[in-house]
């Protein structure tokens, strides 16, 4: 019997963050895909296998869960170079997009083909059969609408195949993916779990356990505000909003193109300009270092005001709240603007994660803690194997 491997995957709008096994492998792939043909041209194909597979993900995906089956795609870094690259659109539902599933399957397949997993999954010629126990999540709004059940049903009970085409090291390999279990968690609840529990399920933040707190998770396409009371998410008061950073990043990208004639490949390039350690809010224009501070400040401050309005409205309805944590990639982008607004206006007790990776990886870490806890409890509940008594001859 094939052993099930644990996977915790956050399909974020900006990128996929994934944790596998016993924390021994992580993947971070830009959430960008581009339709392609089976034989993509490669310069120096004989050197293909010397390149990093993550820079050349070229796959065919077969799955009954997809609306458009058997599509061929460039994924991640390779897709950013395509003129037909697509990112998730503002207002779309993560649970209903083919792109969410394509990125999920691609990420799992990239783990399954690793040499380190050669003993974990059976392999017949060029076909690998991989079984996973998956922990993932959806925005609070989609979970409240009941879309988590439909999303889970697309994954379990079917075989999903990823075939690597012109991909370094993995060309010609096929991965059949099956799910032994899929747990879909609301993102706000997951953020709370990550704040208070470690990977073994022990409480690490006793001060927060019995506090009334808000968690404002700002993503690319949406914002979730979880209301935590008595160690649980208050489902009635928790809210999800169709307001993320993607639209603002796209607006910055477009204005830079119009004003400076510089074409940025993706929203991720905009994020890098805004958050990089040196020369922040600067780009190169015809070889000259040029400030785009006027563009980024105006657009991001406008978004920060909208996010702050959401915080104010939710806090007013939950007046005994003690602290609000801002989490997610969007919070990292808007951090300084939100701090300035709060200092000049209401002065709420708010906090951010100064560690950039901790904030961005928060959901993936939370899903890992939750799915590992599920696996441990399931193993404890399994009955011991029955031993037949030896009959005397």
Protein backbone atom coordinates (compact mmCIF):
# COMPACT_ATOMS: atom_id res chain seq x y z
CA UNK A 1 0.00 0.00 0.00
CA UNK A 2 1.27 3.48 -0.92
CA UNK A 3 2.01 5.62 2.12
CA UNK A 4 0.24 8.98 2.22
CA UNK A 5 2.51 12.02 2.32
CA UNK A 6 1.45 15.14 4.20
CA UNK A 7 1.15 18.35 2.18
CA UNK A 8 0.10 21.80 3.41
CA UNK A 9 -0.53 24.19 0.52
CA UNK A 10 -1.56 27.84 0.52
CA UNK A 11 -2.68 28.78 -3.00
CA UNK A 12 -2.07 32.49 -2.57
CA UNK A 13 -2.84 35.02 -5.26
CA UNK A 14 0.80 36.08 -5.49
CA UNK A 15 2.40 32.67 -5.05
CA UNK A 16 1.94 29.10 -3.89
CA UNK A 17 3.51 28.28 -0.54
CA UNK A 18 3.77 24.56 0.23
CA UNK A 19 5.22 22.46 3.06
CA UNK A 20 5.70 18.70 2.72
CA UNK A 21 6.37 15.63 4.84
CA UNK A 22 8.00 16.31 8.17
CA UNK A 23 8.87 19.91 7.34
CA UNK A 24 11.73 18.70 5.15
CA UNK A 25 10.69 20.42 1.93
CA UNK A 26 9.17 23.78 0.99
CA UNK A 27 8.08 25.20 -2.35
CA UNK A 28 7.27 28.78 -3.31
CA UNK A 29 6.06 29.26 -6.90
CA UNK A 30 4.58 32.42 -8.48
CA UNK A 31 0.86 31.89 -9.12
CA UNK A 32 1.09 32.60 -12.84
CA UNK A 33 0.18 30.29 -15.71
CA UNK A 34 0.29 30.60 -19.48
CA UNK A 35 -1.27 28.38 -22.12
CA UNK A 36 1.39 26.73 -24.26
CA UNK A 37 2.09 24.12 -26.92
CA UNK A 38 3.54 20.66 -26.32
CA UNK A 39 6.91 21.42 -27.93
CA UNK A 40 8.06 24.72 -26.52
CA UNK A 41 11.27 25.95 -28.17
CA UNK A 42 14.36 25.67 -25.98
CA UNK A 43 17.77 27.10 -26.83
CA UNK A 44 20.46 24.54 -26.02
CA UNK A 45 18.08 21.69 -25.22
CA UNK A 46 21.02 19.39 -24.46
CA UNK A 47 21.73 21.60 -21.43
CA UNK A 48 18.11 21.53 -20.24
CA UNK A 49 18.78 19.12 -17.37
CA UNK A 50 21.45 21.41 -15.93
CA UNK A 51 18.82 24.06 -15.25
CA UNK A 52 16.56 24.49 -12.22
CA UNK A 53 13.21 22.70 -12.78
CA UNK A 54 11.40 25.55 -10.99
CA UNK A 55 12.52 27.95 -13.74
CA UNK A 56 11.14 25.75 -16.51
CA UNK A 57 7.87 24.18 -15.37
CA UNK A 58 6.11 23.03 -18.54
CA UNK A 59 3.26 20.56 -17.96
CA UNK A 60 0.13 18.91 -19.26
CA UNK A 61 -2.64 18.48 -16.70
CA UNK A 62 -5.38 15.86 -16.85
CA UNK A 63 -8.09 16.01 -14.19
CA UNK A 64 -11.87 15.53 -14.05
CA UNK A 65 -11.90 18.51 -11.67
CA UNK A 66 -10.91 20.94 -14.43
CA UNK A 67 -13.40 22.75 -16.64
CA UNK A 68 -10.83 22.69 -19.46
CA UNK A 69 -9.10 19.32 -19.31
CA UNK A 70 -5.77 18.24 -20.80
CA UNK A 71 -4.40 21.78 -21.01
CA UNK A 72 -0.70 22.48 -21.56
CA UNK A 73 0.82 25.25 -19.43
CA UNK A 74 3.89 27.14 -18.48
CA UNK A 75 3.91 27.63 -14.72
CA UNK A 76 5.51 30.15 -12.36
CA UNK A 77 8.78 31.79 -13.42
CA UNK A 78 8.52 30.42 -16.96
CA UNK A 79 5.00 31.81 -17.37
CA UNK A 80 6.06 35.35 -16.44
CA UNK A 81 7.98 35.51 -19.73
CA UNK A 82 4.81 34.79 -21.78
CA UNK A 83 2.66 37.49 -23.34
CA UNK A 84 -0.47 35.45 -22.50
CA UNK A 85 0.38 34.94 -18.81
CA UNK A 86 -2.64 35.03 -16.49
CA UNK A 87 -3.01 35.78 -12.80
CA UNK A 88 -6.19 35.38 -10.75
CA UNK A 89 -8.58 38.26 -11.36
CA UNK A 90 -10.02 40.45 -8.58
CA UNK A 91 -13.54 39.32 -7.72
CA UNK A 92 -12.94 35.70 -8.76
CA UNK A 93 -13.57 32.79 -6.40
CA UNK A 94 -10.46 30.77 -5.62
CA UNK A 95 -12.50 27.57 -5.24
CA UNK A 96 -13.98 27.84 -8.74
CA UNK A 97 -10.91 28.73 -10.80
CA UNK A 98 -9.06 26.14 -12.88
CA UNK A 99 -5.86 28.06 -12.17
CA UNK A 100 -6.11 27.23 -8.44
CA UNK A 101 -6.27 23.49 -9.21
CA UNK A 102 -3.58 23.59 -11.91
CA UNK A 103 -1.15 25.28 -9.49
CA UNK A 104 -2.10 22.86 -6.70
CA UNK A 105 -1.49 19.77 -8.89
CA UNK A 106 1.75 21.19 -10.31
CA UNK A 107 3.09 21.84 -6.81
CA UNK A 108 2.29 18.31 -5.62
CA UNK A 109 3.82 16.79 -8.76
CA UNK A 110 7.03 18.79 -8.24
CA UNK A 111 7.31 17.25 -4.79
CA UNK A 112 6.47 13.72 -5.96
CA UNK A 113 9.19 13.59 -8.66
CA UNK A 114 12.01 14.57 -6.32
CA UNK A 115 14.76 11.99 -5.96
CA UNK A 116 14.31 12.11 -2.16
CA UNK A 117 10.81 10.65 -2.65
CA UNK A 118 11.89 7.73 -4.86
CA UNK A 119 11.19 5.31 -2.00
CA UNK A 120 7.98 7.03 -0.90
CA UNK A 121 5.93 6.46 -4.05
CA UNK A 122 5.81 3.47 -6.41
CA UNK A 123 7.15 4.08 -9.90
CA UNK A 124 6.47 2.07 -13.04
CA UNK A 125 8.76 3.17 -15.87
CA UNK A 126 7.98 6.90 -16.18
CA UNK A 127 4.78 6.93 -14.09
CA UNK A 128 4.77 7.84 -10.38
CA UNK A 129 1.73 7.11 -8.18
CA UNK A 130 1.59 9.64 -5.36
CA UNK A 131 -0.85 9.69 -2.44
CA UNK A 132 -1.29 12.81 -0.32
CA UNK A 133 -3.09 13.94 2.81
CA UNK A 134 -3.72 17.60 2.04
CA UNK A 135 -4.35 20.58 4.26
CA UNK A 136 -5.34 23.74 2.39
CA UNK A 137 -7.75 26.65 2.73
CA UNK A 138 -10.15 29.10 1.17
CA UNK A 139 -11.12 32.70 1.94
CA UNK A 140 -13.63 33.03 4.75
CA UNK A 141 -16.26 34.40 2.37
CA UNK A 142 -16.14 31.25 0.22
CA UNK A 143 -16.28 28.94 3.24
CA UNK A 144 -19.31 30.81 4.61
CA UNK A 145 -20.95 30.33 1.20
CA UNK A 146 -20.34 26.57 1.49
CA UNK A 147 -17.88 26.39 -1.39
CA UNK A 148 -15.33 24.41 0.63
CA UNK A 149 -17.40 21.22 0.29
CA UNK A 150 -17.54 21.51 -3.50
CA UNK A 151 -13.83 22.28 -3.68
CA UNK A 152 -12.97 19.25 -1.57
CA UNK A 153 -15.22 16.97 -3.66
CA UNK A 154 -13.30 17.98 -6.82
CA UNK A 155 -10.11 16.64 -5.27
CA UNK A 156 -11.03 13.42 -3.46
CA UNK A 157 -12.07 10.24 -5.24
CA UNK A 158 -10.33 11.07 -8.54
CA UNK A 159 -6.91 10.65 -10.09
CA UNK A 160 -5.25 13.86 -11.28
CA UNK A 161 -2.30 13.51 -13.63
CA UNK A 162 0.53 15.94 -14.27
CA UNK A 163 2.83 15.18 -17.19
CA UNK A 164 6.14 17.03 -17.35
CA UNK A 165 6.89 18.13 -20.90
CA UNK A 166 9.96 20.30 -21.62
CA UNK A 167 10.91 20.66 -17.93
CA UNK A 168 14.52 20.38 -16.68
CA UNK A 169 15.32 16.99 -15.04
CA UNK A 170 11.70 15.77 -15.15
CA UNK A 171 10.92 15.71 -18.87
CA UNK A 172 8.71 12.73 -19.78
CA UNK A 173 7.68 11.87 -16.20
CA UNK A 174 4.01 11.54 -15.28
CA UNK A 175 2.60 11.83 -11.76
CA UNK A 176 -0.77 10.33 -10.81
CA UNK A 177 -2.04 12.22 -7.75
CA UNK A 178 -4.60 10.77 -5.35
CA UNK A 179 -5.85 12.23 -2.09
CA UNK A 180 -6.42 10.03 0.95
CA UNK A 181 -7.86 13.02 2.77
CA UNK A 182 -8.39 16.71 2.05
CA UNK A 183 -9.07 19.26 4.76
CA UNK A 184 -10.17 22.74 3.65
CA UNK A 185 -9.82 25.36 6.40
CA UNK A 186 -11.13 28.93 6.57
CA UNK A 187 -8.14 31.25 6.27
CA UNK A 188 -8.97 33.42 9.29
CA UNK A 189 -9.24 30.44 11.62
CA UNK A 190 -5.96 29.08 10.25
CA UNK A 191 -4.20 32.34 11.07
CA UNK A 192 -5.36 32.09 14.71
CA UNK A 193 -4.08 28.51 14.95
CA UNK A 194 -0.69 29.61 13.67
CA UNK A 195 -0.52 32.35 16.30
CA UNK A 196 -1.20 30.11 19.29
CA UNK A 197 0.06 26.59 18.48
CA UNK A 198 3.40 25.08 17.50
CA UNK A 199 3.88 22.16 15.11
CA UNK A 200 3.27 19.61 17.85
CA UNK A 201 -0.04 21.22 18.86
CA UNK A 202 1.28 22.81 22.05
CA UNK A 203 0.23 26.34 23.06
CA UNK A 204 3.01 28.85 22.40
CA UNK A 205 1.16 32.10 23.01
CA UNK A 206 -0.78 31.80 26.26
CA UNK A 207 -1.41 35.55 26.37
CA UNK A 208 -3.57 35.31 23.24
CA UNK A 209 -5.57 32.20 24.08
CA UNK A 210 -8.36 33.89 26.00
CA UNK A 211 -8.15 37.34 24.45
CA UNK A 212 -10.73 38.78 22.10
CA UNK A 213 -8.78 39.43 18.94
CA UNK A 214 -9.27 40.27 15.29
CA UNK A 215 -7.11 38.85 12.51
CA UNK A 216 -7.21 40.88 9.30
CA UNK A 217 -5.75 38.74 6.54
CA UNK A 218 -5.10 40.86 3.44
CA UNK A 219 -4.61 38.74 0.36
CA UNK A 220 -4.40 39.41 -3.34
CA UNK A 221 -8.08 39.02 -4.13
CA UNK A 222 -9.82 39.28 -0.78
CA UNK A 223 -9.60 40.31 2.86
CA UNK A 224 -10.78 38.13 5.75
CA UNK A 225 -11.39 39.50 9.22
CA UNK A 226 -11.68 36.70 11.76
CA UNK A 227 -13.26 37.50 15.13
CA UNK A 228 -11.73 35.28 17.82
CA UNK A 229 -13.60 34.83 21.07
CA UNK A 230 -13.26 32.03 23.64
CA UNK A 231 -10.60 30.34 21.49
CA UNK A 232 -12.96 30.02 18.54
CA UNK A 233 -13.79 31.97 15.41
CA UNK A 234 -17.17 33.66 15.75
CA UNK A 235 -18.71 32.51 12.44
CA UNK A 236 -21.51 35.07 12.57
CA UNK A 237 -19.23 38.06 13.09
CA UNK A 238 -16.28 36.96 10.95
CA UNK A 239 -16.40 38.63 7.56
CA UNK A 240 -14.85 38.29 4.12
CA UNK A 241 -14.52 41.13 1.62
CA UNK A 242 -13.73 41.31 -2.10
CA UNK A 243 -10.88 43.71 -1.49
CA UNK A 244 -7.27 42.67 -1.95
CA UNK A 245 -4.04 44.20 -3.20
CA UNK A 246 -4.13 42.78 -6.74
CA UNK A 247 -6.15 45.58 -8.27
CA UNK A 248 -3.85 48.21 -6.77
CA UNK A 249 -0.71 46.35 -7.90
CA UNK A 250 -2.18 46.16 -11.40
CA UNK A 251 -2.93 49.90 -11.31
CA UNK A 252 0.68 50.64 -10.29
CA UNK A 253 1.98 48.37 -13.03
CA UNK A 254 -0.19 50.10 -15.64
CA UNK A 255 0.75 53.61 -14.52
CA UNK A 256 4.47 52.76 -14.60
CA UNK A 257 4.00 51.47 -18.14
CA UNK A 258 2.09 54.59 -19.22
CA UNK A 259 4.30 57.15 -17.49
CA UNK A 260 7.76 55.57 -17.86
CA UNK A 261 7.33 53.12 -20.73
CA UNK A 262 8.56 50.25 -18.53
CA UNK A 263 6.76 46.90 -18.89
CA UNK A 264 6.78 44.83 -15.69
CA UNK A 265 6.20 41.10 -16.17
CA UNK A 266 3.77 40.57 -13.31
CA UNK A 267 2.31 41.92 -10.06
CA UNK A 268 5.14 40.15 -8.26
CA UNK A 269 7.58 42.59 -9.91
CA UNK A 270 5.53 45.46 -8.44
CA UNK A 271 5.67 43.86 -4.97
CA UNK A 272 9.44 43.57 -5.26
CA UNK A 273 9.76 47.27 -6.13
CA UNK A 274 7.61 48.23 -3.13
CA UNK A 275 9.22 45.93 -0.54
CA UNK A 276 12.89 45.52 -1.54
CA UNK A 277 15.45 46.45 1.10
CA UNK A 278 17.42 48.97 -0.98
CA UNK A 279 16.24 51.37 -3.67
CA UNK A 280 12.64 50.82 -2.59
CA UNK A 281 10.06 52.39 -4.91
CA UNK A 282 12.65 52.87 -7.66
CA UNK A 283 12.91 51.35 -11.13
CA UNK A 284 15.43 51.54 -13.94
CA UNK A 285 14.33 53.65 -16.91
CA UNK A 286 16.72 53.49 -19.87
CA UNK A 287 19.51 52.67 -17.43
CA UNK A 288 18.70 55.48 -15.01
CA UNK A 289 17.47 54.93 -11.46
CA UNK A 290 14.00 56.53 -11.31
CA UNK A 291 11.61 57.02 -8.39
CA UNK A 292 8.01 55.81 -8.68
CA UNK A 293 7.20 56.90 -5.13
CA UNK A 294 4.47 59.25 -6.32
CA UNK A 295 2.64 56.38 -8.04
CA UNK A 296 3.01 53.75 -5.31
CA UNK A 297 2.23 56.11 -2.42
CA UNK A 298 -0.97 57.46 -3.94
CA UNK A 299 -2.41 54.09 -4.96
CA UNK A 300 -1.36 52.13 -1.86
CA UNK A 301 -2.47 54.86 0.56
CA UNK A 302 -5.90 54.78 -1.06
CA UNK A 303 -6.07 51.00 -0.56
CA UNK A 304 -4.79 51.29 3.03
CA UNK A 305 -7.64 53.75 3.79
CA UNK A 306 -10.17 51.20 2.52
CA UNK A 307 -8.56 48.45 4.62
CA UNK A 308 -8.54 50.71 7.66
CA UNK A 309 -12.25 51.43 7.12
CA UNK A 310 -12.94 47.69 7.21
CA UNK A 311 -11.02 47.40 10.49
CA UNK A 312 -12.91 50.33 12.02
CA UNK A 313 -16.32 48.93 11.04
CA UNK A 314 -15.61 45.44 12.38
CA UNK A 315 -14.02 46.78 15.59
CA UNK A 316 -17.08 48.97 16.25
CA UNK A 317 -19.29 45.88 16.12
CA UNK A 318 -16.86 44.03 18.41
CA UNK A 319 -16.05 46.79 20.88
CA UNK A 320 -14.37 44.52 23.44
CA UNK A 321 -11.64 43.51 21.00
CA UNK A 322 -8.18 43.76 22.58
CA UNK A 323 -5.88 43.61 19.53
CA UNK A 324 -5.95 43.17 15.76
CA UNK A 325 -3.21 41.31 13.93
CA UNK A 326 -2.62 42.14 10.27
CA UNK A 327 -1.33 39.12 8.35
CA UNK A 328 -0.73 38.00 4.77
CA UNK A 329 1.24 39.29 1.81
CA UNK A 330 -1.07 42.28 1.44
CA UNK A 331 -0.45 43.34 5.03
CA UNK A 332 3.27 43.25 4.33
CA UNK A 333 2.80 45.61 1.36
CA UNK A 334 0.51 48.03 3.27
CA UNK A 335 2.18 47.86 6.69
CA UNK A 336 3.74 51.34 6.83
CA UNK A 337 0.63 53.02 5.38
CA UNK A 338 -1.68 51.31 7.89
CA UNK A 339 0.61 52.20 10.81
CA UNK A 340 0.66 55.87 9.76
CA UNK A 341 -3.13 55.98 9.36
CA UNK A 342 -3.66 54.36 12.76
CA UNK A 343 -1.25 56.76 14.50
CA UNK A 344 -3.03 59.76 12.96
CA UNK A 345 -6.59 58.50 13.47
CA UNK A 346 -8.10 56.06 15.98
CA UNK A 347 -4.98 54.55 17.54
CA UNK A 348 -6.28 50.99 17.72
CA UNK A 349 -4.09 48.32 19.29
CA UNK A 350 -2.79 46.72 16.07
CA UNK A 351 0.23 44.57 15.33
CA UNK A 352 2.15 43.20 12.35
CA UNK A 353 4.70 40.48 11.88
CA UNK A 354 8.01 42.19 11.34
CA UNK A 355 9.42 38.95 9.97
CA UNK A 356 8.36 39.11 6.31
CA UNK A 357 8.55 35.35 5.78
CA UNK A 358 6.49 34.63 8.89
CA UNK A 359 3.68 36.86 7.62
CA UNK A 360 3.72 35.52 4.06
CA UNK A 361 4.02 31.85 5.10
CA UNK A 362 1.49 32.11 7.91
CA UNK A 363 -1.31 30.25 6.08
CA UNK A 364 0.89 27.41 4.86
CA UNK A 365 2.32 27.00 8.38
CA UNK A 366 -1.19 26.99 9.83
CA UNK A 367 -2.46 24.37 7.37
CA UNK A 368 0.56 22.24 8.24
CA UNK A 369 -0.17 22.44 11.97
CA UNK A 370 -3.84 21.58 11.37
CA UNK A 371 -3.27 18.67 8.98
CA UNK A 372 -0.50 17.18 11.16
CA UNK A 373 -2.85 17.36 14.15
CA UNK A 374 -5.54 15.59 12.08
CA UNK A 375 -3.10 12.84 11.03
CA UNK A 376 -1.92 12.28 14.62
CA UNK A 377 -5.48 12.02 15.94
CA UNK A 378 -6.46 9.64 13.12
CA UNK A 379 -3.50 7.37 13.89
CA UNK A 380 -4.42 7.28 17.58
CA UNK A 381 -8.00 6.29 16.75
CA UNK A 382 -7.06 3.41 14.49
CA UNK A 383 -7.74 0.04 16.16
CA UNK A 384 -4.75 -2.15 16.88
CA UNK A 385 -4.31 -5.05 14.44
CA UNK A 386 -6.12 -8.19 15.55
CA UNK A 387 -3.83 -11.07 16.43
CA UNK A 388 -5.26 -14.50 15.84
CA UNK A 389 -4.54 -17.01 18.62
CA UNK A 390 -2.26 -19.87 17.71
CA UNK A 391 -4.19 -23.11 17.69
CA UNK A 392 -2.65 -26.16 19.31
CA UNK A 393 -1.99 -29.02 16.92
